[in-house]
Amino acid sequence: MSAISIDGVSKKFRLQTDKAHSVKELVTRRDRSTDHDSFWALRDVSFEIPEGSMYALVGHNGSGKSTLLRCMAGIYRPTEGQVKVDGRISTLLELGAGFHPDLTGRENVYMNATILGMSKKQIDASFDEIVGFAGVEEFIDSPVKIYSSGMYVRLGFSVAVHVDPEILIVDEVIAVGDAEFQRKCFDHLYALRKKGVTIVVVTHGLSTVESMCDGAAWLDHGVLQLTGTGPEVVQAYLGKVNAAEREEREAADTESRAEGLGAKEDVTIAKVEFLDEDGFSSRVGFHRKPLTIRIWYEAVRPVPSPVFGIALYSSSNVHLTGTNTKIDAFGTPTIEGKGYVDLSMDALQLTPGDYELTVAISDEFIQHNFDRREREWRLTVREGDSATPEGLMDLRGHWSAGA
């Protein structure tokens, strides 16, 4: 059963244009075409969100994700098509949306919860939990205009998720909170999901889409590109993003070489090898046997403290794990010219099967990718000398007993 059905939805906005400054100008403009005065944020979007699922909308900024959320929430009326919603909706679309700056936190909680459909008795029963979750007990009787943006979003999120919604719509706002609050948010979303609440979220956190979302839809310039499972949509989206980046980089490199300036990026991935326990290159690894992932690079100029990272996927698109030199506290030295960085494992903990590897090199702050190759290398894992556990990963724990 579908909680939300989106059928041929299109949304057009009028763009700001210069106003007429005289009667003559107003008359002469009267018959002018308005085609260039409008913008289609969504074009013929159709898909369904199953009841009780966690569903993500992904795409670049300006792709129409937030517009579609507002159509689902009833804030926007589609220009064409229709949105059918089966359930009570709670929304968290903007920081402190609906908060009155001159009212206290307590007064805003009661006002917002009432707007979202809670009775005073229900609010009374949930008030301490709402305030405690937000962590604003000390300031609850102060005007919210003195709140920080983090306090705003914590209180707004807390109200939205405590009104016992059947459908919760969230637009990226939880990214504003600190790490501890983000963990609380995700834990609470997980608890709501287990209760059968349908959750629709816009997020740029693709790992969240892969690990937490049952389904996803990818929008590009208001046009639906793909729907499917979280991993399927993320991989398709990343594939297009990476292909576009490669084309842009190759074009820039061609232009730079034509000008005699050399390659644009400071360092690139030359190749990746898998080395067995004897140091020989191989496309096959063995369960519980040593394996080294060797990342060869080529740096055209000195690069201080670059970060080398990997992400590992199963053949069924499951993101298994990922790490990098910064996470593992390996201080990569300044690199220049050709060289390699190794990730060595004493005992490969993957169970037999086929796996795909993503490799990236970024700057020391992990703000810029010098080079990233998405799932470009394949590793086949076979049985080793010992029995193989179930699943994809070997926990390598030690059993003991006591009385």
Protein backbone atom coordinates (compact mmCIF):
# COMPACT_ATOMS: atom_id res chain seq x y z
CA MET A 1 0.00 0.00 0.00
CA SER A 2 1.27 3.48 -0.85
CA ALA A 3 1.49 6.24 1.74
CA ILE A 4 2.18 8.85 -0.95
CA SER A 5 1.31 8.62 -4.64
CA ILE A 6 2.80 11.17 -7.04
CA ASP A 7 1.08 11.15 -10.41
CA GLY A 8 2.36 13.31 -13.28
CA VAL A 9 3.34 16.17 -11.00
CA SER A 10 4.71 19.34 -12.58
CA LYS A 11 5.31 22.64 -10.82
CA LYS A 12 5.86 25.98 -12.56
CA PHE A 13 7.03 29.18 -10.88
CA ARG A 14 6.90 32.70 -12.24
CA LEU A 15 10.29 34.37 -12.40
CA GLN A 16 10.85 37.92 -11.21
CA THR A 17 10.79 40.35 -14.14
CA ASP A 18 11.20 44.11 -14.45
CA LYS A 19 7.99 45.97 -13.70
CA ALA A 20 6.54 48.49 -16.11
CA HIS A 21 7.47 52.06 -15.18
CA SER A 22 4.79 53.83 -17.22
CA VAL A 23 1.30 53.29 -18.64
CA LYS A 24 2.77 53.17 -22.13
CA GLU A 25 5.23 50.43 -21.15
CA LEU A 26 2.44 48.49 -19.43
CA VAL A 27 0.29 48.60 -22.58
CA THR A 28 3.11 47.67 -24.93
CA ARG A 29 4.05 44.69 -22.74
CA ARG A 30 0.48 43.40 -22.51
CA ASP A 31 0.69 41.03 -25.46
CA ARG A 32 4.25 39.95 -24.88
CA SER A 33 4.79 36.19 -24.48
CA THR A 34 5.42 35.04 -20.90
CA ASP A 35 7.27 31.85 -21.83
CA HIS A 36 10.52 33.28 -20.59
CA ASP A 37 8.93 34.52 -17.34
CA SER A 38 8.32 31.04 -15.91
CA PHE A 39 10.42 28.16 -14.65
CA TRP A 40 9.44 24.50 -14.41
CA ALA A 41 10.86 23.16 -11.11
CA LEU A 42 9.22 19.74 -11.72
CA ARG A 43 8.19 18.06 -14.96
CA ASP A 44 5.84 15.07 -15.07
CA VAL A 45 7.13 13.26 -11.97
CA SER A 46 5.42 9.98 -11.06
CA PHE A 47 6.26 7.37 -8.42
CA GLU A 48 4.87 5.87 -5.22
CA ILE A 49 6.26 5.75 -1.69
CA PRO A 50 5.28 2.54 0.14
CA GLU A 51 3.65 2.80 3.55
CA GLY A 52 6.10 2.30 6.43
CA SER A 53 9.20 2.83 4.31
CA MET A 54 12.07 5.30 4.64
CA TYR A 55 12.39 7.00 1.28
CA ALA A 56 14.99 9.49 0.05
CA LEU A 57 15.05 12.12 -2.66
CA VAL A 58 18.53 12.66 -4.11
CA GLY A 59 19.97 15.01 -6.70
CA HIS A 60 22.08 18.13 -7.02
CA ASN A 61 21.04 21.50 -5.60
CA GLY A 62 18.19 22.92 -7.67
CA SER A 63 17.04 19.52 -8.93
CA GLY A 64 13.52 19.96 -7.53
CA LYS A 65 13.78 17.82 -4.39
CA SER A 66 12.57 20.45 -1.90
CA THR A 67 9.82 21.58 -4.28
CA LEU A 68 8.54 18.02 -4.47
CA LEU A 69 8.62 17.71 -0.67
CA ARG A 70 6.50 20.85 -0.39
CA CYS A 71 4.02 19.42 -2.88
CA MET A 72 3.79 16.28 -0.72
CA ALA A 73 3.26 18.40 2.39
CA GLY A 74 0.53 20.45 0.74
CA ILE A 75 2.52 23.69 0.94
CA TYR A 76 2.66 23.92 -2.88
CA ARG A 77 -0.16 22.97 -5.21
CA PRO A 78 1.11 21.20 -8.34
CA THR A 79 0.64 23.07 -11.61
CA GLU A 80 -0.17 19.73 -13.24
CA GLY A 81 -0.80 16.26 -11.84
CA GLN A 82 -1.69 15.35 -8.28
CA VAL A 83 -0.24 14.12 -5.00
CA LYS A 84 -2.31 11.68 -2.93
CA VAL A 85 -1.35 11.30 0.73
CA ASP A 86 -2.77 8.59 2.98
CA GLY A 87 -1.88 9.51 6.55
CA ARG A 88 -1.25 12.31 9.03
CA ILE A 89 1.78 14.37 7.96
CA SER A 90 4.38 16.08 10.13
CA THR A 91 6.97 18.22 8.36
CA LEU A 92 10.36 19.64 9.18
CA LEU A 93 11.34 21.71 6.18
CA GLU A 94 13.04 24.80 7.56
CA LEU A 95 14.85 25.84 10.73
CA GLY A 96 12.27 27.01 13.25
CA ALA A 97 9.51 27.07 10.64
CA GLY A 98 6.43 28.40 12.40
CA PHE A 99 8.33 29.63 15.46
CA HIS A 100 7.50 33.15 16.62
CA PRO A 101 10.73 34.84 17.71
CA ASP A 102 9.10 36.80 20.56
CA LEU A 103 7.45 33.75 22.10
CA THR A 104 9.26 31.47 24.52
CA GLY A 105 10.34 27.96 23.65
CA ARG A 106 7.49 26.62 25.77
CA GLU A 107 4.92 28.77 23.99
CA ASN A 108 6.30 27.79 20.57
CA VAL A 109 6.17 24.10 21.44
CA TYR A 110 2.47 24.37 22.32
CA MET A 111 1.70 26.50 19.27
CA ASN A 112 3.58 24.28 16.80
CA ALA A 113 2.29 21.02 18.24
CA THR A 114 -1.28 22.39 18.12
CA ILE A 115 -0.83 23.35 14.45
CA LEU A 116 0.42 19.82 13.78
CA GLY A 117 -2.76 18.36 15.28
CA MET A 118 -1.97 17.57 18.92
CA SER A 119 -4.42 18.36 21.70
CA LYS A 120 -3.30 20.24 24.82
CA LYS A 121 -3.58 17.02 26.82
CA GLN A 122 -1.27 15.24 24.35
CA ILE A 123 1.20 18.12 24.41
CA ASP A 124 1.21 18.15 28.23
CA ALA A 125 2.01 14.43 28.23
CA SER A 126 4.83 14.78 25.69
CA PHE A 127 6.24 18.17 26.72
CA ASP A 128 9.09 16.98 28.96
CA GLU A 129 10.14 14.42 26.37
CA ILE A 130 10.13 17.04 23.59
CA VAL A 131 12.23 19.48 25.61
CA GLY A 132 14.58 16.79 26.88
CA PHE A 133 15.20 15.44 23.40
CA ALA A 134 16.02 18.95 22.17
CA GLY A 135 18.29 19.60 25.14
CA VAL A 136 16.95 23.12 25.72
CA GLU A 137 15.57 22.73 29.27
CA GLU A 138 17.59 25.69 30.55
CA PHE A 139 16.20 28.01 27.87
CA ILE A 140 12.65 26.71 27.44
CA ASP A 141 11.11 29.82 29.04
CA SER A 142 13.31 32.26 27.10
CA PRO A 143 12.26 33.85 23.77
CA VAL A 144 13.44 31.72 20.86
CA LYS A 145 14.96 34.79 19.22
CA ILE A 146 17.94 34.31 21.55
CA TYR A 147 18.34 30.65 20.50
CA SER A 148 21.25 29.57 18.34
CA SER A 149 20.47 27.95 15.00
CA GLY A 150 21.33 24.59 16.55
CA MET A 151 18.82 25.09 19.37
CA TYR A 152 16.21 26.13 16.79
CA VAL A 153 16.61 22.99 14.73
CA ARG A 154 16.75 20.70 17.77
CA LEU A 155 13.50 22.05 19.16
CA GLY A 156 11.82 22.11 15.74
CA PHE A 157 12.89 18.54 15.00
CA SER A 158 11.81 17.37 18.44
CA VAL A 159 8.30 18.80 18.05
CA ALA A 160 7.95 17.33 14.55
CA VAL A 161 8.88 13.79 15.56
CA HIS A 162 6.88 13.72 18.81
CA VAL A 163 3.46 14.50 17.33
CA ASP A 164 2.95 10.80 16.56
CA PRO A 165 3.01 11.27 12.77
CA GLU A 166 2.02 8.64 10.25
CA ILE A 167 4.18 10.37 7.61
CA LEU A 168 7.26 12.44 8.47
CA ILE A 169 8.81 14.73 5.84
CA VAL A 170 12.34 16.03 6.55
CA ASP A 171 14.40 18.38 4.37
CA GLU A 172 18.12 18.08 5.26
CA VAL A 173 17.80 20.27 8.35
CA ILE A 174 19.21 17.73 10.81
CA ALA A 175 22.64 18.28 9.27
CA VAL A 176 22.81 21.57 11.21
CA GLY A 177 22.93 19.87 14.60
CA ASP A 178 26.12 18.64 16.22
CA ALA A 179 27.31 15.05 15.89
CA GLU A 180 25.64 13.91 19.12
CA PHE A 181 22.27 15.37 18.12
CA GLN A 182 22.51 13.91 14.62
CA ARG A 183 22.97 10.47 16.17
CA LYS A 184 19.90 11.06 18.34
CA CYS A 185 17.95 12.10 15.26
CA PHE A 186 18.87 9.01 13.30
CA ASP A 187 18.15 6.76 16.29
CA HIS A 188 14.72 8.35 16.65
CA LEU A 189 14.04 8.07 12.91
CA TYR A 190 14.97 4.40 13.12
CA ALA A 191 12.56 3.94 16.04
CA LEU A 192 9.77 5.68 14.11
CA ARG A 193 10.49 3.50 11.11
CA LYS A 194 10.15 0.36 13.25
CA LYS A 195 6.74 1.68 14.41
CA GLY A 196 5.61 1.86 10.79
CA VAL A 197 5.94 5.61 10.21
CA THR A 198 6.61 6.54 6.58
CA ILE A 199 9.67 8.84 6.42
CA VAL A 200 10.54 10.92 3.37
CA VAL A 201 13.87 12.71 3.53
CA VAL A 202 15.95 14.97 1.31
CA THR A 203 19.61 14.42 2.07
CA HIS A 204 23.04 14.79 0.52
CA GLY A 205 24.33 12.07 2.85
CA LEU A 206 24.46 9.25 0.33
CA SER A 207 25.77 6.74 2.86
CA THR A 208 22.56 7.34 4.83
CA VAL A 209 20.51 6.63 1.71
CA GLU A 210 22.39 3.39 1.10
CA SER A 211 22.28 2.12 4.67
CA MET A 212 18.92 3.38 6.02
CA CYS A 213 16.53 3.94 3.12
CA ASP A 214 14.29 1.27 1.61
CA GLY A 215 13.89 3.26 -1.60
CA ALA A 216 14.95 6.47 -3.32
CA ALA A 217 14.14 8.71 -6.26
CA TRP A 218 16.73 10.67 -8.22
CA LEU A 219 15.74 14.05 -9.68
CA ASP A 220 17.75 16.10 -12.15
CA HIS A 221 16.51 19.55 -13.23
CA GLY A 222 13.00 18.62 -12.12
CA VAL A 223 12.86 15.40 -14.15
CA LEU A 224 12.71 11.97 -12.53
CA GLN A 225 15.77 9.94 -13.55
CA LEU A 226 15.38 6.73 -11.57
CA THR A 227 13.56 5.06 -8.68
CA GLY A 228 14.73 1.94 -6.90
CA THR A 229 16.49 0.75 -3.76
CA GLY A 230 18.78 3.15 -1.93
CA PRO A 231 22.02 1.53 -3.19
CA GLU A 232 20.73 1.29 -6.78
CA VAL A 233 19.80 4.97 -6.98
CA VAL A 234 22.96 6.16 -5.21
CA GLN A 235 25.22 4.21 -7.54
CA ALA A 236 23.44 5.49 -10.64
CA TYR A 237 23.56 9.05 -9.35
CA LEU A 238 27.25 8.83 -8.39
CA GLY A 239 28.01 7.26 -11.75
CA LYS A 240 26.64 10.28 -13.56
CA VAL A 241 28.29 12.76 -11.18
CA ASN A 242 31.67 11.07 -11.51
CA ALA A 243 31.37 10.79 -15.28
CA ALA A 244 30.59 14.50 -15.49
CA GLU A 245 33.56 15.32 -13.25
CA ARG A 246 35.86 13.16 -15.39
CA GLU A 247 34.67 14.84 -18.57
CA GLU A 248 35.19 18.27 -17.03
CA ARG A 249 38.64 17.29 -15.75
CA GLU A 250 39.66 15.77 -19.08
CA ALA A 251 38.50 18.87 -20.94
CA ALA A 252 40.43 21.09 -18.52
CA ASP A 253 43.51 18.88 -18.83
CA THR A 254 43.31 19.02 -22.62
CA GLU A 255 43.06 22.80 -22.48
CA SER A 256 45.92 23.00 -20.00
CA ARG A 257 48.17 20.79 -22.11
CA ALA A 258 47.36 22.89 -25.16
CA GLU A 259 48.54 25.90 -23.20
CA GLY A 260 51.61 24.05 -22.00
CA LEU A 261 50.53 24.13 -18.38
CA GLY A 262 50.26 20.38 -17.72
CA ALA A 263 47.43 18.51 -15.98
CA LYS A 264 44.91 20.35 -13.87
CA GLU A 265 44.78 18.09 -10.83
CA ASP A 266 47.78 17.79 -8.52
CA VAL A 267 47.54 14.01 -8.07
CA THR A 268 45.71 11.21 -9.85
CA ILE A 269 45.16 7.48 -9.30
CA ALA A 270 47.44 5.61 -11.69
CA LYS A 271 46.21 2.09 -10.89
CA VAL A 272 45.12 -0.18 -8.03
CA GLU A 273 46.51 -3.65 -7.33
CA PHE A 274 45.57 -6.47 -4.97
CA LEU A 275 48.68 -8.24 -3.59
CA ASP A 276 48.59 -11.72 -2.06
CA GLU A 277 50.59 -12.86 0.96
CA ASP A 278 53.68 -13.33 -1.21
CA GLY A 279 53.42 -9.83 -2.68
CA PHE A 280 52.24 -10.94 -6.12
CA SER A 281 49.51 -9.05 -7.95
CA SER A 282 46.25 -10.98 -8.14
CA ARG A 283 42.57 -10.40 -8.80
CA VAL A 284 41.69 -13.10 -6.27
CA GLY A 285 41.87 -12.96 -2.47
CA PHE A 286 41.35 -15.76 0.02
CA HIS A 287 39.21 -15.68 3.12
CA ARG A 288 41.35 -15.19 6.27
CA LYS A 289 44.54 -14.87 4.23
CA PRO A 290 46.70 -11.70 4.00
CA LEU A 291 45.80 -9.16 1.32
CA THR A 292 47.18 -5.74 0.45
CA ILE A 293 45.38 -3.05 -1.53
CA ARG A 294 48.05 -0.95 -3.27
CA ILE A 295 47.00 2.46 -4.63
CA TRP A 296 49.45 3.83 -7.17
CA TYR A 297 49.45 7.59 -7.64
CA GLU A 298 51.11 10.20 -9.84
CA ALA A 299 51.58 13.72 -8.44
CA VAL A 300 52.65 16.50 -10.80
CA ARG A 301 53.64 18.77 -7.91
CA PRO A 302 54.12 18.36 -4.13
CA VAL A 303 50.87 17.50 -2.33
CA PRO A 304 51.01 17.80 1.48
CA SER A 305 49.25 15.15 3.59
CA PRO A 306 46.77 13.80 1.00
CA VAL A 307 44.06 11.42 2.21
CA PHE A 308 43.74 8.04 0.49
CA GLY A 309 40.42 6.27 0.94
CA ILE A 310 38.51 3.18 -0.15
CA ALA A 311 34.90 2.00 -0.09
CA LEU A 312 33.92 -1.62 -0.55
CA TYR A 313 30.67 -2.89 -2.10
CA SER A 314 29.16 -6.32 -2.58
CA SER A 315 28.00 -7.46 -6.02
CA SER A 316 24.43 -6.80 -4.81
CA ASN A 317 25.19 -3.07 -4.30
CA VAL A 318 25.52 -3.23 -0.51
CA HIS A 319 28.02 -0.73 0.89
CA LEU A 320 30.02 -2.93 3.25
CA THR A 321 32.68 -0.66 4.67
CA GLY A 322 34.98 2.23 3.98
CA THR A 323 38.03 3.84 5.51
CA ASN A 324 40.82 6.27 4.74
CA THR A 325 44.27 7.21 5.96
CA LYS A 326 42.85 9.98 8.16
CA ILE A 327 40.36 7.72 9.92
CA ASP A 328 43.13 5.18 10.52
CA ALA A 329 45.48 7.93 11.81
CA PHE A 330 48.11 7.28 9.15
CA GLY A 331 50.01 10.49 8.50
CA THR A 332 50.54 10.45 4.76
CA PRO A 333 53.74 12.39 3.99
CA THR A 334 54.00 15.01 1.26
CA ILE A 335 53.97 13.17 -2.06
CA GLU A 336 55.40 14.07 -5.46
CA GLY A 337 56.01 12.09 -8.64
CA LYS A 338 55.04 8.40 -8.75
CA GLY A 339 54.47 6.19 -5.74
CA TYR A 340 51.99 4.06 -3.85
CA VAL A 341 50.10 3.75 -0.57
CA ASP A 342 49.23 0.34 0.84
CA LEU A 343 46.33 -0.84 2.97
CA SER A 344 47.45 -4.21 4.35
CA MET A 345 45.20 -6.76 6.04
CA ASP A 346 46.67 -9.67 7.98
CA ALA A 347 43.53 -11.74 7.43
CA LEU A 348 40.93 -10.86 4.80
CA GLN A 349 37.56 -10.90 6.54
CA LEU A 350 35.38 -10.93 3.43
CA THR A 351 33.56 -14.18 2.78
CA PRO A 352 33.71 -15.79 -0.71
CA GLY A 353 32.07 -13.73 -3.44
CA ASP A 354 32.61 -10.80 -5.80
CA TYR A 355 33.28 -7.30 -4.52
CA GLU A 356 33.84 -3.86 -6.03
CA LEU A 357 36.19 -1.15 -4.82
CA THR A 358 35.93 2.63 -4.94
CA VAL A 359 39.19 4.56 -4.44
CA ALA A 360 39.68 8.27 -3.85
CA ILE A 361 42.49 10.72 -3.14
CA SER A 362 41.53 13.99 -1.48
CA ASP A 363 43.24 16.92 0.18
CA GLU A 364 44.19 16.79 3.87
CA PHE A 365 40.85 18.35 4.88
CA ILE A 366 38.78 15.93 2.73
CA GLN A 367 37.16 18.93 1.07
CA HIS A 368 38.38 18.33 -2.49
CA ASN A 369 38.76 15.07 -4.39
CA PHE A 370 41.85 15.13 -6.55
CA ASP A 371 40.67 11.87 -8.09
CA ARG A 372 37.87 9.39 -7.36
CA ARG A 373 37.10 6.19 -9.23
CA GLU A 374 33.70 4.73 -8.44
CA ARG A 375 33.60 0.91 -8.16
CA GLU A 376 36.26 0.58 -10.85
CA TRP A 377 38.09 -2.45 -9.42
CA ARG A 378 36.71 -5.93 -8.81
CA LEU A 379 38.00 -8.44 -6.27
CA THR A 380 36.97 -12.08 -6.16
CA VAL A 381 37.25 -13.75 -2.76
CA ARG A 382 37.52 -17.53 -2.46
CA GLU A 383 37.49 -19.95 0.44
CA GLY A 384 40.68 -20.25 2.46
CA ASP A 385 41.85 -23.05 4.71
CA SER A 386 39.20 -22.56 7.40
CA ALA A 387 35.44 -22.89 7.49
CA THR A 388 33.52 -19.95 6.02
CA PRO A 389 30.97 -18.10 8.19
CA GLU A 390 27.61 -16.98 6.90
CA GLY A 391 27.00 -13.56 5.35
CA LEU A 392 29.43 -11.12 3.76
CA MET A 393 31.77 -10.33 6.63
CA ASP A 394 33.74 -12.44 9.12
CA LEU A 395 33.42 -11.03 12.65
CA ARG A 396 36.57 -12.86 13.80
CA GLY A 397 35.32 -12.96 17.36
CA HIS A 398 36.47 -15.36 20.09
CA TRP A 399 33.93 -17.57 21.86
CA SER A 400 34.12 -18.21 25.60
CA ALA A 401 31.83 -19.56 28.27
CA GLY A 402 31.36 -19.15 31.97
CA ALA A 403 29.09 -20.13 34.82
